[in-house]
């Protein structure tokens, strides 16, 4: 069975960041989460989306650096 929800610690491991960073992403809304009692669970789909967005942004930035483009217009 595929995991649908993860704890903050599991999300942090998946993203390679700290738990504090995960809670910051929850507050900023990129990570979708729900409360179950006193616990918070993060959607694994939103973890994958954040990872893909960050990887895409890093690829774009690396491409700009190689081509000599400025990151700001």
N, C-alpha and C. Protein backbone atom coordinates (compact mmCIF):
# COMPACT_ATOMS: atom_id res chain seq x y z
N UNK A 1 0.83 -1.18 0.00
CA UNK A 1 0.00 0.00 0.00
C UNK A 1 0.87 1.24 0.00
N UNK A 2 0.53 2.19 -0.84
CA UNK A 2 1.31 3.42 -0.97
C UNK A 2 0.97 4.39 0.15
N UNK A 3 1.99 5.01 0.72
CA UNK A 3 1.83 5.99 1.78
C UNK A 3 1.24 7.27 1.21
N UNK A 4 0.15 7.78 1.82
CA UNK A 4 -0.50 9.00 1.34
C UNK A 4 -0.14 10.22 2.18
N UNK A 5 0.12 10.00 3.46
CA UNK A 5 0.43 11.09 4.38
C UNK A 5 1.72 10.77 5.12
N UNK A 6 2.44 11.81 5.52
CA UNK A 6 3.71 11.63 6.22
C UNK A 6 3.78 12.58 7.40
N UNK A 7 4.59 12.23 8.38
CA UNK A 7 4.83 13.13 9.51
C UNK A 7 5.81 14.22 9.05
N UNK A 8 5.97 15.24 9.87
CA UNK A 8 6.92 16.31 9.55
C UNK A 8 8.34 15.75 9.45
N UNK A 9 8.68 14.82 10.34
CA UNK A 9 10.02 14.22 10.31
C UNK A 9 10.22 13.42 9.02
N UNK A 10 9.21 12.68 8.60
CA UNK A 10 9.32 11.91 7.35
C UNK A 10 9.42 12.85 6.15
N UNK A 11 8.64 13.92 6.16
CA UNK A 11 8.70 14.90 5.07
C UNK A 11 10.07 15.55 5.02
N UNK A 12 10.62 15.87 6.19
CA UNK A 12 11.95 16.47 6.25
C UNK A 12 12.99 15.53 5.65
N UNK A 13 12.90 14.24 5.97
CA UNK A 13 13.83 13.26 5.39
C UNK A 13 13.68 13.19 3.87
N UNK A 14 12.43 13.19 3.39
CA UNK A 14 12.19 13.11 1.95
C UNK A 14 12.76 14.32 1.21
N UNK A 15 12.64 15.50 1.82
CA UNK A 15 13.08 16.74 1.17
C UNK A 15 14.53 17.09 1.49
N UNK A 16 15.11 16.43 2.47
CA UNK A 16 16.49 16.74 2.85
C UNK A 16 16.62 18.06 3.57
N UNK A 17 15.61 18.41 4.37
CA UNK A 17 15.61 19.66 5.13
C UNK A 17 15.29 19.34 6.59
N UNK A 18 15.28 20.36 7.43
CA UNK A 18 14.95 20.17 8.84
C UNK A 18 13.43 20.18 9.04
N UNK A 19 13.01 19.70 10.20
CA UNK A 19 11.58 19.74 10.54
C UNK A 19 11.09 21.19 10.60
N UNK A 20 11.94 22.09 11.08
CA UNK A 20 11.56 23.51 11.12
C UNK A 20 11.27 24.04 9.73
N UNK A 21 12.06 23.62 8.75
CA UNK A 21 11.83 24.04 7.37
C UNK A 21 10.51 23.48 6.85
N UNK A 22 10.18 22.26 7.23
CA UNK A 22 8.91 21.65 6.82
C UNK A 22 7.75 22.47 7.38
N UNK A 23 7.82 22.83 8.67
CA UNK A 23 6.75 23.63 9.26
C UNK A 23 6.67 25.01 8.60
N UNK A 24 7.80 25.56 8.18
CA UNK A 24 7.80 26.82 7.44
C UNK A 24 7.11 26.68 6.10
N UNK A 25 7.35 25.56 5.41
CA UNK A 25 6.68 25.31 4.13
C UNK A 25 5.18 25.08 4.31
N UNK A 26 4.80 24.48 5.43
CA UNK A 26 3.38 24.31 5.73
C UNK A 26 2.74 25.68 5.93
N UNK A 27 3.39 26.54 6.70
CA UNK A 27 2.85 27.87 6.98
C UNK A 27 2.77 28.72 5.72
N UNK A 28 3.74 28.55 4.81
CA UNK A 28 3.77 29.33 3.57
C UNK A 28 2.85 28.74 2.50
N UNK A 29 2.28 27.58 2.78
CA UNK A 29 1.28 26.89 1.95
C UNK A 29 1.79 26.00 0.83
N UNK A 30 3.08 25.88 0.50
CA UNK A 30 3.44 24.93 -0.54
C UNK A 30 3.20 23.47 -0.14
N UNK A 31 3.29 23.18 1.15
CA UNK A 31 3.04 21.81 1.61
C UNK A 31 1.62 21.73 2.16
N UNK A 32 0.83 20.85 1.58
CA UNK A 32 -0.53 20.64 2.07
C UNK A 32 -0.51 19.71 3.27
N UNK A 33 -1.20 20.09 4.32
CA UNK A 33 -1.23 19.26 5.51
C UNK A 33 -2.60 19.31 6.16
N UNK A 34 -2.83 18.33 7.03
CA UNK A 34 -4.06 18.29 7.81
C UNK A 34 -3.70 17.96 9.25
N UNK A 35 -4.58 18.32 10.15
CA UNK A 35 -4.41 17.95 11.56
C UNK A 35 -5.29 16.75 11.85
N UNK A 36 -4.71 15.78 12.52
CA UNK A 36 -5.44 14.62 13.00
C UNK A 36 -5.22 14.60 14.50
N UNK A 37 -6.21 15.04 15.24
CA UNK A 37 -6.03 15.20 16.69
C UNK A 37 -4.99 16.28 16.93
N UNK A 38 -3.93 15.94 17.65
CA UNK A 38 -2.84 16.90 17.90
C UNK A 38 -1.70 16.74 16.90
N UNK A 39 -1.82 15.77 16.02
CA UNK A 39 -0.76 15.48 15.04
C UNK A 39 -1.03 16.19 13.72
N UNK A 40 0.02 16.50 13.00
CA UNK A 40 -0.09 17.08 11.67
C UNK A 40 0.48 16.09 10.68
N UNK A 41 -0.23 15.87 9.59
CA UNK A 41 0.23 14.98 8.53
C UNK A 41 0.31 15.76 7.22
N UNK A 42 1.36 15.49 6.47
CA UNK A 42 1.63 16.19 5.22
C UNK A 42 1.35 15.26 4.06
N UNK A 43 0.69 15.78 3.05
CA UNK A 43 0.38 15.01 1.85
C UNK A 43 1.67 14.65 1.12
N UNK A 44 1.84 13.36 0.85
CA UNK A 44 3.03 12.91 0.12
C UNK A 44 3.05 13.52 -1.28
N UNK A 45 1.87 13.70 -1.89
CA UNK A 45 1.81 14.32 -3.22
C UNK A 45 2.36 15.75 -3.17
N UNK A 46 2.04 16.51 -2.11
CA UNK A 46 2.56 17.87 -2.02
C UNK A 46 4.06 17.86 -1.75
N UNK A 47 4.57 16.85 -1.04
CA UNK A 47 6.01 16.73 -0.83
C UNK A 47 6.70 16.53 -2.18
N UNK A 48 6.15 15.65 -3.01
CA UNK A 48 6.71 15.41 -4.34
C UNK A 48 6.64 16.67 -5.20
N UNK A 49 5.54 17.42 -5.10
CA UNK A 49 5.39 18.66 -5.88
C UNK A 49 6.43 19.70 -5.48
N UNK A 50 6.64 19.86 -4.17
CA UNK A 50 7.63 20.83 -3.69
C UNK A 50 9.02 20.41 -4.15
N UNK A 51 9.33 19.12 -4.06
CA UNK A 51 10.65 18.64 -4.50
C UNK A 51 10.85 18.89 -5.99
N UNK A 52 9.82 18.65 -6.80
CA UNK A 52 9.92 18.86 -8.24
C UNK A 52 10.07 20.35 -8.57
N UNK A 53 9.32 21.20 -7.88
CA UNK A 53 9.43 22.64 -8.12
C UNK A 53 10.83 23.15 -7.77
N UNK A 54 11.35 22.69 -6.64
CA UNK A 54 12.68 23.14 -6.22
C UNK A 54 13.76 22.62 -7.17
N UNK A 55 13.61 21.39 -7.63
CA UNK A 55 14.57 20.84 -8.59
C UNK A 55 14.50 21.60 -9.90
N UNK A 56 13.30 21.93 -10.35
CA UNK A 56 13.13 22.71 -11.57
C UNK A 56 13.73 24.09 -11.45
N UNK A 57 13.53 24.74 -10.31
CA UNK A 57 14.08 26.08 -10.09
C UNK A 57 15.61 26.04 -10.09
N UNK A 58 16.18 24.99 -9.50
CA UNK A 58 17.63 24.86 -9.47
C UNK A 58 18.17 24.64 -10.88
N UNK A 59 17.46 23.85 -11.69
CA UNK A 59 17.89 23.62 -13.08
C UNK A 59 17.84 24.90 -13.89
N UNK A 60 16.78 25.69 -13.70
CA UNK A 60 16.65 26.96 -14.42
C UNK A 60 17.78 27.90 -14.02
N UNK A 61 18.06 28.00 -12.72
CA UNK A 61 19.12 28.88 -12.24
C UNK A 61 20.49 28.43 -12.78
N UNK A 62 20.75 27.13 -12.77
CA UNK A 62 22.02 26.62 -13.28
C UNK A 62 22.15 26.91 -14.78
N UNK A 63 21.05 26.79 -15.50
CA UNK A 63 21.05 27.08 -16.93
C UNK A 63 21.35 28.55 -17.18
N UNK A 64 20.76 29.43 -16.38
CA UNK A 64 21.01 30.87 -16.52
C UNK A 64 22.47 31.20 -16.23
N UNK A 65 23.02 30.57 -15.20
CA UNK A 65 24.41 30.82 -14.86
C UNK A 65 25.34 30.38 -15.99
N UNK A 66 25.04 29.24 -16.60
CA UNK A 66 25.87 28.76 -17.71
C UNK A 66 25.78 29.67 -18.92
N UNK A 67 24.58 30.22 -19.16
CA UNK A 67 24.41 31.06 -20.36
C UNK A 67 24.77 32.51 -20.09
N UNK A 68 25.06 32.85 -18.82
CA UNK A 68 25.45 34.22 -18.50
C UNK A 68 24.28 35.15 -18.30
N UNK A 69 23.06 34.64 -18.24
CA UNK A 69 21.88 35.47 -18.01
C UNK A 69 21.82 35.89 -16.55
N UNK A 70 21.21 37.02 -16.31
CA UNK A 70 21.00 37.50 -14.96
C UNK A 70 19.74 36.87 -14.41
N UNK A 71 19.73 36.56 -13.10
CA UNK A 71 18.56 35.96 -12.48
C UNK A 71 17.44 36.98 -12.33
N UNK A 72 17.78 38.26 -12.29
CA UNK A 72 16.76 39.30 -12.18
C UNK A 72 16.70 40.07 -13.50
N UNK A 73 15.49 40.37 -13.96
CA UNK A 73 15.37 41.07 -15.25
C UNK A 73 15.81 42.50 -15.18
